[in-house]
C-alpha atoms as a PDB file:
ATOM      1  CA  MET A   1      15.065  -2.905   8.555  1.00  0.00           C
ATOM      2  CA  LYS A   2      12.884  -0.004   7.517  1.00  0.00           C
ATOM      3  CA  ILE A   3       9.962  -0.289   5.088  1.00  0.00           C
ATOM      4  CA  ILE A   4       7.920   2.621   3.752  1.00  0.00           C
ATOM      5  CA  THR A   5       4.682   2.458   1.782  1.00  0.00           C
ATOM      6  CA  LEU A   6       2.996   5.431   0.122  1.00  0.00           C
ATOM      7  CA  ASN A   7       0.285   6.077  -2.441  1.00  0.00           C
ATOM      8  CA  LEU A   8       1.914   8.882  -4.427  1.00  0.00           C
ATOM      9  CA  ASN A   9      -1.223   9.978  -6.321  1.00  0.00           C
ATOM     10  CA  GLY A  10       1.159  10.528  -9.218  1.00  0.00           C
ATOM     11  CA  ILE A  11       4.926  10.045  -9.021  1.00  0.00           C
ATOM     12  CA  ARG A  12       5.596  13.231 -10.994  1.00  0.00           C
ATOM     13  CA  SER A  13       3.327  15.228  -8.695  1.00  0.00           C
ATOM     14  CA  ALA A  14       4.995  13.770  -5.594  1.00  0.00           C
ATOM     15  CA  SER A  15       8.386  14.625  -7.061  1.00  0.00           C
ATOM     16  CA  ARG A  16       7.373  18.269  -7.456  1.00  0.00           C
ATOM     17  CA  LYS A  17       6.302  18.250  -3.803  1.00  0.00           C
ATOM     18  CA  GLY A  18       9.739  17.140  -2.618  1.00  0.00           C
ATOM     19  CA  PHE A  19       9.371  13.373  -2.319  1.00  0.00           C
ATOM     20  CA  PHE A  20      12.798  12.631  -3.793  1.00  0.00           C
ATOM     21  CA  ASP A  21      14.448  15.212  -1.554  1.00  0.00           C
ATOM     22  CA  TRP A  22      12.859  13.584   1.489  1.00  0.00           C
ATOM     23  CA  LEU A  23      13.497   9.972   0.505  1.00  0.00           C
ATOM     24  CA  PRO A  24      17.314   9.763   0.972  1.00  0.00           C
ATOM     25  CA  ARG A  25      17.056  11.035   4.537  1.00  0.00           C
ATOM     26  CA  GLN A  26      14.819   8.102   5.484  1.00  0.00           C
ATOM     27  CA  LYS A  27      17.492   5.472   4.808  1.00  0.00           C
ATOM     28  CA  ALA A  28      14.727   2.947   4.114  1.00  0.00           C
ATOM     29  CA  ASP A  29      15.580  -0.542   2.924  1.00  0.00           C
ATOM     30  CA  PHE A  30      12.393  -0.837   0.865  1.00  0.00           C
ATOM     31  CA  VAL A  31       9.932   1.749  -0.423  1.00  0.00           C
ATOM     32  CA  CYS A  32       6.634   0.516  -1.836  1.00  0.00           C
ATOM     33  CA  LEU A  33       4.766   2.882  -4.128  1.00  0.00           C
ATOM     34  CA  GLN A  34       1.213   2.961  -5.423  1.00  0.00           C
ATOM     35  CA  GLU A  35      -0.660   5.036  -7.995  1.00  0.00           C
ATOM     36  CA  LEU A  36       2.309   6.028 -10.121  1.00  0.00           C
ATOM     37  CA  LYS A  37       0.016   7.510 -12.792  1.00  0.00           C
ATOM     38  CA  ALA A  38       2.886   7.144 -15.250  1.00  0.00           C
ATOM     39  CA  HIS A  39       4.624   4.831 -17.686  1.00  0.00           C
ATOM     40  CA  GLU A  40       8.345   4.182 -17.998  1.00  0.00           C
ATOM     41  CA  VAL A  41       8.765   6.904 -20.636  1.00  0.00           C
ATOM     42  CA  ASP A  42       7.374   9.452 -18.156  1.00  0.00           C
ATOM     43  CA  LEU A  43       9.987   8.728 -15.480  1.00  0.00           C
ATOM     44  CA  ASP A  44      13.308  10.494 -15.187  1.00  0.00           C
ATOM     45  CA  ASP A  45      16.412   8.669 -13.939  1.00  0.00           C
ATOM     46  CA  GLN A  46      15.777   9.662 -10.322  1.00  0.00           C
ATOM     47  CA  MET A  47      12.237   8.286 -10.429  1.00  0.00           C
ATOM     48  CA  LYS A  48      13.381   5.047 -12.036  1.00  0.00           C
ATOM     49  CA  SER A  49      16.132   4.404  -9.515  1.00  0.00           C
ATOM     50  CA  PRO A  50      16.894   6.971  -6.806  1.00  0.00           C
ATOM     51  CA  LYS A  51      20.538   6.974  -5.715  1.00  0.00           C
ATOM     52  CA  GLY A  52      21.275   3.767  -3.824  1.00  0.00           C
ATOM     53  CA  TYR A  53      18.094   1.985  -4.959  1.00  0.00           C
ATOM     54  CA  PHE A  54      16.974  -0.491  -7.582  1.00  0.00           C
ATOM     55  CA  GLY A  55      13.578   0.452  -9.016  1.00  0.00           C
ATOM     56  CA  ASN A  56      10.969  -2.056 -10.170  1.00  0.00           C
ATOM     57  CA  PHE A  57       7.539  -1.198 -11.551  1.00  0.00           C
ATOM     58  CA  SER A  58       4.272  -2.488 -12.939  1.00  0.00           C
ATOM     59  CA  TYR A  59       2.431  -0.034 -15.171  1.00  0.00           C
ATOM     60  CA  ALA A  60      -1.230   0.126 -16.100  1.00  0.00           C
ATOM     61  CA  ASN A  61      -2.233  -0.192 -19.734  1.00  0.00           C
ATOM     62  CA  LYS A  62      -4.168   3.061 -19.430  1.00  0.00           C
ATOM     63  CA  LYS A  63      -2.033   6.164 -19.644  1.00  0.00           C
ATOM     64  CA  GLY A  64      -1.666   8.229 -16.463  1.00  0.00           C
ATOM     65  CA  TYR A  65      -3.438   5.651 -14.322  1.00  0.00           C
ATOM     66  CA  SER A  66      -2.689   3.358 -11.375  1.00  0.00           C
ATOM     67  CA  GLY A  67       0.684   1.547 -11.358  1.00  0.00           C
ATOM     68  CA  VAL A  68       2.865   0.273  -8.511  1.00  0.00           C
ATOM     69  CA  GLY A  69       6.562   0.077  -7.734  1.00  0.00           C
ATOM     70  CA  ILE A  70       9.208  -0.941  -5.216  1.00  0.00           C
ATOM     71  CA  TYR A  71      12.569   0.665  -4.501  1.00  0.00           C
ATOM     72  CA  SER A  72      15.042  -1.701  -2.841  1.00  0.00           C
ATOM     73  CA  LYS A  73      18.603  -1.165  -1.674  1.00  0.00           C
ATOM     74  CA  GLU A  74      19.426  -4.748  -2.531  1.00  0.00           C
ATOM     75  CA  LYS A  75      19.061  -6.049  -6.070  1.00  0.00           C
ATOM     76  CA  PRO A  76      16.179  -8.545  -6.180  1.00  0.00           C
ATOM     77  CA  ASN A  77      16.785 -12.140  -7.151  1.00  0.00           C
ATOM     78  CA  LYS A  78      13.447 -12.175  -8.930  1.00  0.00           C
ATOM     79  CA  VAL A  79      10.838  -9.593  -9.946  1.00  0.00           C
ATOM     80  CA  ILE A  80       7.211 -10.445 -10.697  1.00  0.00           C
ATOM     81  CA  ASN A  81       5.155  -7.635 -12.209  1.00  0.00           C
ATOM     82  CA  LYS A  82       2.620  -9.741 -14.113  1.00  0.00           C
ATOM     83  CA  ILE A  83       0.721 -12.567 -12.442  1.00  0.00           C
ATOM     84  CA  GLY A  84      -1.595 -13.714 -15.230  1.00  0.00           C
ATOM     85  CA  ILE A  85      -4.742 -12.083 -13.859  1.00  0.00           C
ATOM     86  CA  PRO A  86      -6.007  -9.426 -16.316  1.00  0.00           C
ATOM     87  CA  GLU A  87      -7.990  -7.479 -13.717  1.00  0.00           C
ATOM     88  CA  ILE A  88      -4.761  -6.934 -11.774  1.00  0.00           C
ATOM     89  CA  ASP A  89      -2.127  -6.906 -14.531  1.00  0.00           C
ATOM     90  CA  ASP A  90      -3.945  -4.549 -16.908  1.00  0.00           C
ATOM     91  CA  GLU A  91      -4.234  -1.879 -14.224  1.00  0.00           C
ATOM     92  CA  GLY A  92      -0.741  -2.298 -12.769  1.00  0.00           C
ATOM     93  CA  ARG A  93      -1.891  -3.291  -9.295  1.00  0.00           C
ATOM     94  CA  TYR A  94       0.762  -5.822  -8.201  1.00  0.00           C
ATOM     95  CA  ILE A  95       4.524  -6.127  -8.066  1.00  0.00           C
ATOM     96  CA  GLU A  96       6.678  -8.556  -6.077  1.00  0.00           C
ATOM     97  CA  ILE A  97      10.402  -8.757  -5.464  1.00  0.00           C
ATOM     98  CA  ASP A  98      12.105 -11.817  -4.031  1.00  0.00           C
ATOM     99  CA  LEU A  99      15.331 -11.525  -2.053  1.00  0.00           C
ATOM    100  CA  ASP A 100      17.360 -14.053  -0.064  1.00  0.00           C
ATOM    101  CA  LYS A 101      15.537 -13.549   3.227  1.00  0.00           C
ATOM    102  CA  ILE A 102      12.380 -11.621   2.389  1.00  0.00           C
ATOM    103  CA  VAL A 103       9.609 -11.147  -0.168  1.00  0.00           C
ATOM    104  CA  ILE A 104       8.236  -7.617  -0.650  1.00  0.00           C
ATOM    105  CA  ILE A 105       4.939  -6.994  -2.455  1.00  0.00           C
ATOM    106  CA  SER A 106       3.349  -3.665  -3.366  1.00  0.00           C
ATOM    107  CA  VAL A 107      -0.369  -3.627  -4.220  1.00  0.00           C
ATOM    108  CA  TYR A 108      -2.961  -1.033  -5.106  1.00  0.00           C
ATOM    109  CA  LEU A 109      -6.486  -2.349  -4.636  1.00  0.00           C
ATOM    110  CA  PRO A 110      -9.289  -0.595  -6.514  1.00  0.00           C
ATOM    111  CA  SER A 111     -11.691   1.979  -5.190  1.00  0.00           C
ATOM    112  CA  GLY A 112     -15.355   1.345  -5.810  1.00  0.00           C
ATOM    113  CA  SER A 113     -16.483   4.866  -4.998  1.00  0.00           C
ATOM    114  CA  SER A 114     -17.175   5.905  -8.611  1.00  0.00           C
ATOM    115  CA  GLY A 115     -20.157   3.593  -8.984  1.00  0.00           C
ATOM    116  CA  GLU A 116     -21.605   0.086  -8.928  1.00  0.00           C
ATOM    117  CA  GLU A 117     -19.562  -1.156 -11.891  1.00  0.00           C
ATOM    118  CA  ARG A 118     -16.262  -0.348 -10.211  1.00  0.00           C
ATOM    119  CA  GLN A 119     -17.473  -1.744  -6.898  1.00  0.00           C
ATOM    120  CA  LEU A 120     -18.208  -5.055  -8.610  1.00  0.00           C
ATOM    121  CA  PHE A 121     -14.762  -4.870 -10.200  1.00  0.00           C
ATOM    122  CA  LYS A 122     -13.294  -4.247  -6.745  1.00  0.00           C
ATOM    123  CA  TYR A 123     -14.946  -7.399  -5.391  1.00  0.00           C
ATOM    124  CA  LYS A 124     -13.549  -9.381  -8.317  1.00  0.00           C
ATOM    125  CA  VAL A 125     -10.039  -8.095  -7.618  1.00  0.00           C
ATOM    126  CA  LEU A 126     -10.412  -8.823  -3.896  1.00  0.00           C
ATOM    127  CA  ASP A 127     -11.397 -12.387  -4.740  1.00  0.00           C
ATOM    128  CA  ARG A 128      -8.379 -12.829  -7.018  1.00  0.00           C
ATOM    129  CA  MET A 129      -6.073 -11.190  -4.494  1.00  0.00           C
ATOM    130  CA  LEU A 130      -7.285 -13.484  -1.725  1.00  0.00           C
ATOM    131  CA  GLY A 131      -6.189 -16.481  -3.761  1.00  0.00           C
ATOM    132  CA  ILE A 132      -2.752 -14.940  -4.245  1.00  0.00           C
ATOM    133  CA  LEU A 133      -2.355 -14.075  -0.570  1.00  0.00           C
ATOM    134  CA  LYS A 134      -3.357 -17.567   0.525  1.00  0.00           C
ATOM    135  CA  LYS A 135      -0.451 -18.919  -1.488  1.00  0.00           C
ATOM    136  CA  LYS A 136       2.057 -16.238  -0.525  1.00  0.00           C
ATOM    137  CA  ILE A 137       1.551 -16.684   3.230  1.00  0.00           C
ATOM    138  CA  LYS A 138       3.067 -20.155   2.847  1.00  0.00           C
ATOM    139  CA  VAL A 139       6.494 -18.969   1.665  1.00  0.00           C
ATOM    140  CA  SER A 140       9.342 -20.094   3.901  1.00  0.00           C
ATOM    141  CA  LYS A 141      10.799 -16.640   4.561  1.00  0.00           C
ATOM    142  CA  SER A 142       9.673 -13.248   5.811  1.00  0.00           C
ATOM    143  CA  ILE A 143       7.010 -11.647   3.630  1.00  0.00           C
ATOM    144  CA  VAL A 144       5.252  -8.287   3.681  1.00  0.00           C
ATOM    145  CA  VAL A 145       2.512  -6.857   1.480  1.00  0.00           C
ATOM    146  CA  CYS A 146       2.407  -3.067   1.433  1.00  0.00           C
ATOM    147  CA  GLY A 147      -0.164  -0.894  -0.203  1.00  0.00           C
ATOM    148  CA  ASP A 148      -3.308   1.098  -0.504  1.00  0.00           C
ATOM    149  CA  PHE A 149      -6.073  -1.415   0.177  1.00  0.00           C
ATOM    150  CA  ASN A 150      -8.885   1.163  -0.125  1.00  0.00           C
ATOM    151  CA  ILE A 151     -10.601  -0.438   2.880  1.00  0.00           C
ATOM    152  CA  ALA A 152     -10.871   0.766   6.467  1.00  0.00           C
ATOM    153  CA  HIS A 153     -11.173  -2.333   8.634  1.00  0.00           C
ATOM    154  CA  HIS A 154     -12.847  -1.214  11.862  1.00  0.00           C
ATOM    155  CA  GLU A 155     -14.728   1.799  13.176  1.00  0.00           C
ATOM    156  CA  ILE A 156     -11.515   2.991  14.834  1.00  0.00           C
ATOM    157  CA  ASP A 157      -9.975   3.256  11.365  1.00  0.00           C
ATOM    158  CA  LEU A 158     -11.986   6.209  10.082  1.00  0.00           C
ATOM    159  CA  LYS A 159     -13.425   9.391  11.513  1.00  0.00           C
ATOM    160  CA  ASN A 160     -17.002   9.253  10.239  1.00  0.00           C
ATOM    161  CA  PHE A 161     -17.703   5.542  10.497  1.00  0.00           C
ATOM    162  CA  LYS A 162     -21.433   6.024  11.072  1.00  0.00           C
ATOM    163  CA  GLY A 163     -21.895   7.965   7.862  1.00  0.00           C
ATOM    164  CA  ASN A 164     -19.787   5.600   5.755  1.00  0.00           C
ATOM    165  CA  LYS A 165     -21.321   2.213   6.516  1.00  0.00           C
ATOM    166  CA  LYS A 166     -22.933   2.144   3.070  1.00  0.00           C
ATOM    167  CA  ASN A 167     -19.992   3.644   1.210  1.00  0.00           C
ATOM    168  CA  SER A 168     -17.210   1.915  -0.683  1.00  0.00           C
ATOM    169  CA  GLY A 169     -14.188   1.471   1.516  1.00  0.00           C
ATOM    170  CA  PHE A 170     -16.219   0.607   4.611  1.00  0.00           C
ATOM    171  CA  LEU A 171     -18.815  -1.826   3.296  1.00  0.00           C
ATOM    172  CA  PRO A 172     -19.460  -4.970   5.366  1.00  0.00           C
ATOM    173  CA  GLU A 173     -18.234  -7.245   2.568  1.00  0.00           C
ATOM    174  CA  GLU A 174     -14.950  -5.347   2.249  1.00  0.00           C
ATOM    175  CA  ARG A 175     -14.332  -5.335   5.978  1.00  0.00           C
ATOM    176  CA  ALA A 176     -15.151  -9.056   6.150  1.00  0.00           C
ATOM    177  CA  TRP A 177     -12.533  -9.681   3.456  1.00  0.00           C
ATOM    178  CA  LEU A 178      -9.877  -8.085   5.664  1.00  0.00           C
ATOM    179  CA  SER A 179     -11.121  -9.946   8.736  1.00  0.00           C
ATOM    180  CA  HIS A 180     -10.823 -13.236   6.865  1.00  0.00           C
ATOM    181  CA  LEU A 181      -7.314 -12.306   5.749  1.00  0.00           C
ATOM    182  CA  PHE A 182      -6.203 -11.668   9.321  1.00  0.00           C
ATOM    183  CA  SER A 183      -8.254 -14.202  11.279  1.00  0.00           C
ATOM    184  CA  ASN A 184      -8.251 -17.182   8.931  1.00  0.00           C
ATOM    185  CA  VAL A 185      -5.515 -16.850   6.306  1.00  0.00           C
ATOM    186  CA  GLY A 186      -2.796 -15.871   8.760  1.00  0.00           C
ATOM    187  CA  TRP A 187      -1.724 -12.371   7.746  1.00  0.00           C
ATOM    188  CA  VAL A 188      -1.039  -9.756  10.430  1.00  0.00           C
ATOM    189  CA  ASP A 189      -1.998  -6.075  10.220  1.00  0.00           C
ATOM    190  CA  VAL A 190       1.367  -4.809  11.462  1.00  0.00           C
ATOM    191  CA  TYR A 191       0.284  -1.302  12.473  1.00  0.00           C
ATOM    192  CA  ARG A 192      -2.765  -2.518  14.380  1.00  0.00           C
ATOM    193  CA  ASN A 193      -0.729  -5.297  15.977  1.00  0.00           C
ATOM    194  CA  LEU A 194       1.620  -2.638  17.361  1.00  0.00           C
ATOM    195  CA  TYR A 195      -1.069  -0.128  18.340  1.00  0.00           C
ATOM    196  CA  ALA A 196      -4.338  -1.807  19.180  1.00  0.00           C
ATOM    197  CA  ASP A 197      -6.119   1.353  20.321  1.00  0.00           C
ATOM    198  CA  LYS A 198      -4.774   4.133  18.092  1.00  0.00           C
ATOM    199  CA  GLY A 199      -7.564   5.760  16.108  1.00  0.00           C
ATOM    200  CA  GLU A 200      -7.071   9.248  14.724  1.00  0.00           C
ATOM    201  CA  ASP A 201      -3.282   8.945  14.886  1.00  0.00           C
ATOM    202  CA  GLY A 202      -3.471   6.028  12.487  1.00  0.00           C
ATOM    203  CA  TYR A 203      -5.193   7.681   9.538  1.00  0.00           C
ATOM    204  CA  THR A 204      -3.266   7.542   6.260  1.00  0.00           C
ATOM    205  CA  TRP A 205      -5.660   9.183   3.766  1.00  0.00           C
ATOM    206  CA  TRP A 206      -7.735  12.352   3.726  1.00  0.00           C
ATOM    207  CA  SER A 207     -10.175  13.465   1.037  1.00  0.00           C
ATOM    208  CA  ASN A 208      -9.215  16.571  -0.883  1.00  0.00           C
ATOM    209  CA  ARG A 209     -12.771  17.798  -0.458  1.00  0.00           C
ATOM    210  CA  GLY A 210     -13.746  20.187   2.299  1.00  0.00           C
ATOM    211  CA  GLN A 211     -11.428  20.518   5.280  1.00  0.00           C
ATOM    212  CA  ALA A 212     -10.705  16.814   5.741  1.00  0.00           C
ATOM    213  CA  TRP A 213      -6.953  17.264   6.230  1.00  0.00           C
ATOM    214  CA  ALA A 214      -7.274  20.318   8.472  1.00  0.00           C
ATOM    215  CA  ASN A 215      -9.861  18.570  10.656  1.00  0.00           C
ATOM    216  CA  ASN A 216      -8.190  15.138  10.493  1.00  0.00           C
ATOM    217  CA  VAL A 217     -11.273  13.544   8.954  1.00  0.00           C
ATOM    218  CA  GLY A 218      -9.268  10.614   7.698  1.00  0.00           C
ATOM    219  CA  TRP A 219      -9.203   6.910   6.951  1.00  0.00           C
ATOM    220  CA  ARG A 220      -6.626   4.209   7.659  1.00  0.00           C
ATOM    221  CA  ILE A 221      -6.529   2.441   4.289  1.00  0.00           C
ATOM    222  CA  ASP A 222      -2.781   1.977   3.760  1.00  0.00           C
ATOM    223  CA  TYR A 223      -1.287  -1.170   5.228  1.00  0.00           C
ATOM    224  CA  GLN A 224       1.763  -3.264   5.784  1.00  0.00           C
ATOM    225  CA  ILE A 225       0.584  -6.829   6.351  1.00  0.00           C
ATOM    226  CA  ALA A 226       3.070  -9.573   7.129  1.00  0.00           C
ATOM    227  CA  ASN A 227       3.426 -13.178   8.169  1.00  0.00           C
ATOM    228  CA  PHE A 228       3.844 -13.801  11.910  1.00  0.00           C
ATOM    229  CA  GLU A 229       7.594 -14.184  11.586  1.00  0.00           C
ATOM    230  CA  LEU A 230       8.060 -10.662  10.290  1.00  0.00           C
ATOM    231  CA  ALA A 231       5.165  -9.006  12.148  1.00  0.00           C
ATOM    232  CA  ASN A 232       6.703 -10.063  15.440  1.00  0.00           C
ATOM    233  CA  LYS A 233       9.864  -8.153  14.503  1.00  0.00           C
ATOM    234  CA  ALA A 234       8.031  -4.848  14.052  1.00  0.00           C
ATOM    235  CA  LYS A 235       9.281  -2.305  16.585  1.00  0.00           C
ATOM    236  CA  LYS A 236       7.740   1.025  15.646  1.00  0.00           C
ATOM    237  CA  ALA A 237       5.335   2.482  13.091  1.00  0.00           C
ATOM    238  CA  THR A 238       5.182   6.114  12.045  1.00  0.00           C
ATOM    239  CA  ILE A 239       2.697   7.916   9.840  1.00  0.00           C
ATOM    240  CA  LEU A 240       4.407  11.003   8.468  1.00  0.00           C
ATOM    241  CA  LYS A 241       2.184  14.070   8.595  1.00  0.00           C
ATOM    242  CA  THR A 242       4.748  16.881   8.747  1.00  0.00           C
ATOM    243  CA  GLN A 243       5.237  16.917   4.980  1.00  0.00           C
ATOM    244  CA  ARG A 244       2.663  16.080   2.306  1.00  0.00           C
ATOM    245  CA  PHE A 245       3.455  14.438  -1.014  1.00  0.00           C
ATOM    246  CA  SER A 246      -0.105  13.341  -1.859  1.00  0.00           C
ATOM    247  CA  ASP A 247      -3.521  12.846  -0.255  1.00  0.00           C
ATOM    248  CA  HIS A 248      -1.975   9.841   1.537  1.00  0.00           C
ATOM    249  CA  ALA A 249       0.697   9.852   4.239  1.00  0.00           C
ATOM    250  CA  PRO A 250       3.740   7.553   4.226  1.00  0.00           C
ATOM    251  CA  LEU A 251       3.404   4.564   6.541  1.00  0.00           C
ATOM    252  CA  ILE A 252       6.866   3.813   7.912  1.00  0.00           C
ATOM    253  CA  ILE A 253       7.579   0.657   9.918  1.00  0.00           C
ATOM    254  CA  ASN A 254      10.861  -0.336  11.537  1.00  0.00           C
ATOM    255  CA  TYR A 255      11.586  -4.034  11.982  1.00  0.00           C
ATOM    256  CA  SER A 256      14.435  -5.696  13.848  1.00  0.00           C
ATOM    257  CA  ASP A 257      16.887  -7.519  11.577  1.00  0.00           C
END
């Protein structure tokens, strides 16, 4: 089983950069998307459901903003794109599909980098999301949450950790939230579980400012987190850097069936 997650930074932009030419060659079972920056009326047929895939989406109320989706080869038994939490639903930050043997969730957690108000909003969303993830870890089947978490967990997960200790994305409270998720709630950071010591090779996002991409001044903020059952089936993780569809790189993980 192959699962891909990618923040598209706009599905229409990623399409122009060749995303839908690249996608069929991957033969992925599930593709989790974040930051669609589009509504249903903006999507062509290929974006809605690439050949061989069922497409499911949650859109933000605000036009051209946020939004998440999941492509799946198998038709889901159930799709949840609204969970009754305005902070998450209104910005299109959560979608879940339920299949016979697995639950797939795509999330896009907020950035707080634009100012104190959004950072406080981020903490509120993290608190709500923690409650959701505490419940979801108890499901009696494999489960994986893919997405842009907008948090680098440890110093190994970003280039300039010293200069970012007071910046959103690497604040102590954010990092502690992830630690609690992994140490106490029971989720597993699949990439880090596979590669305990990989630093620069693990980055998934690079700022568009300066020469961040050219100099690999990146952050690992895109995750696949799973319950122990599924995490233990992970065989290999790849971060695609040979072709760029956005300021994020696809995180591709292969699991045994």
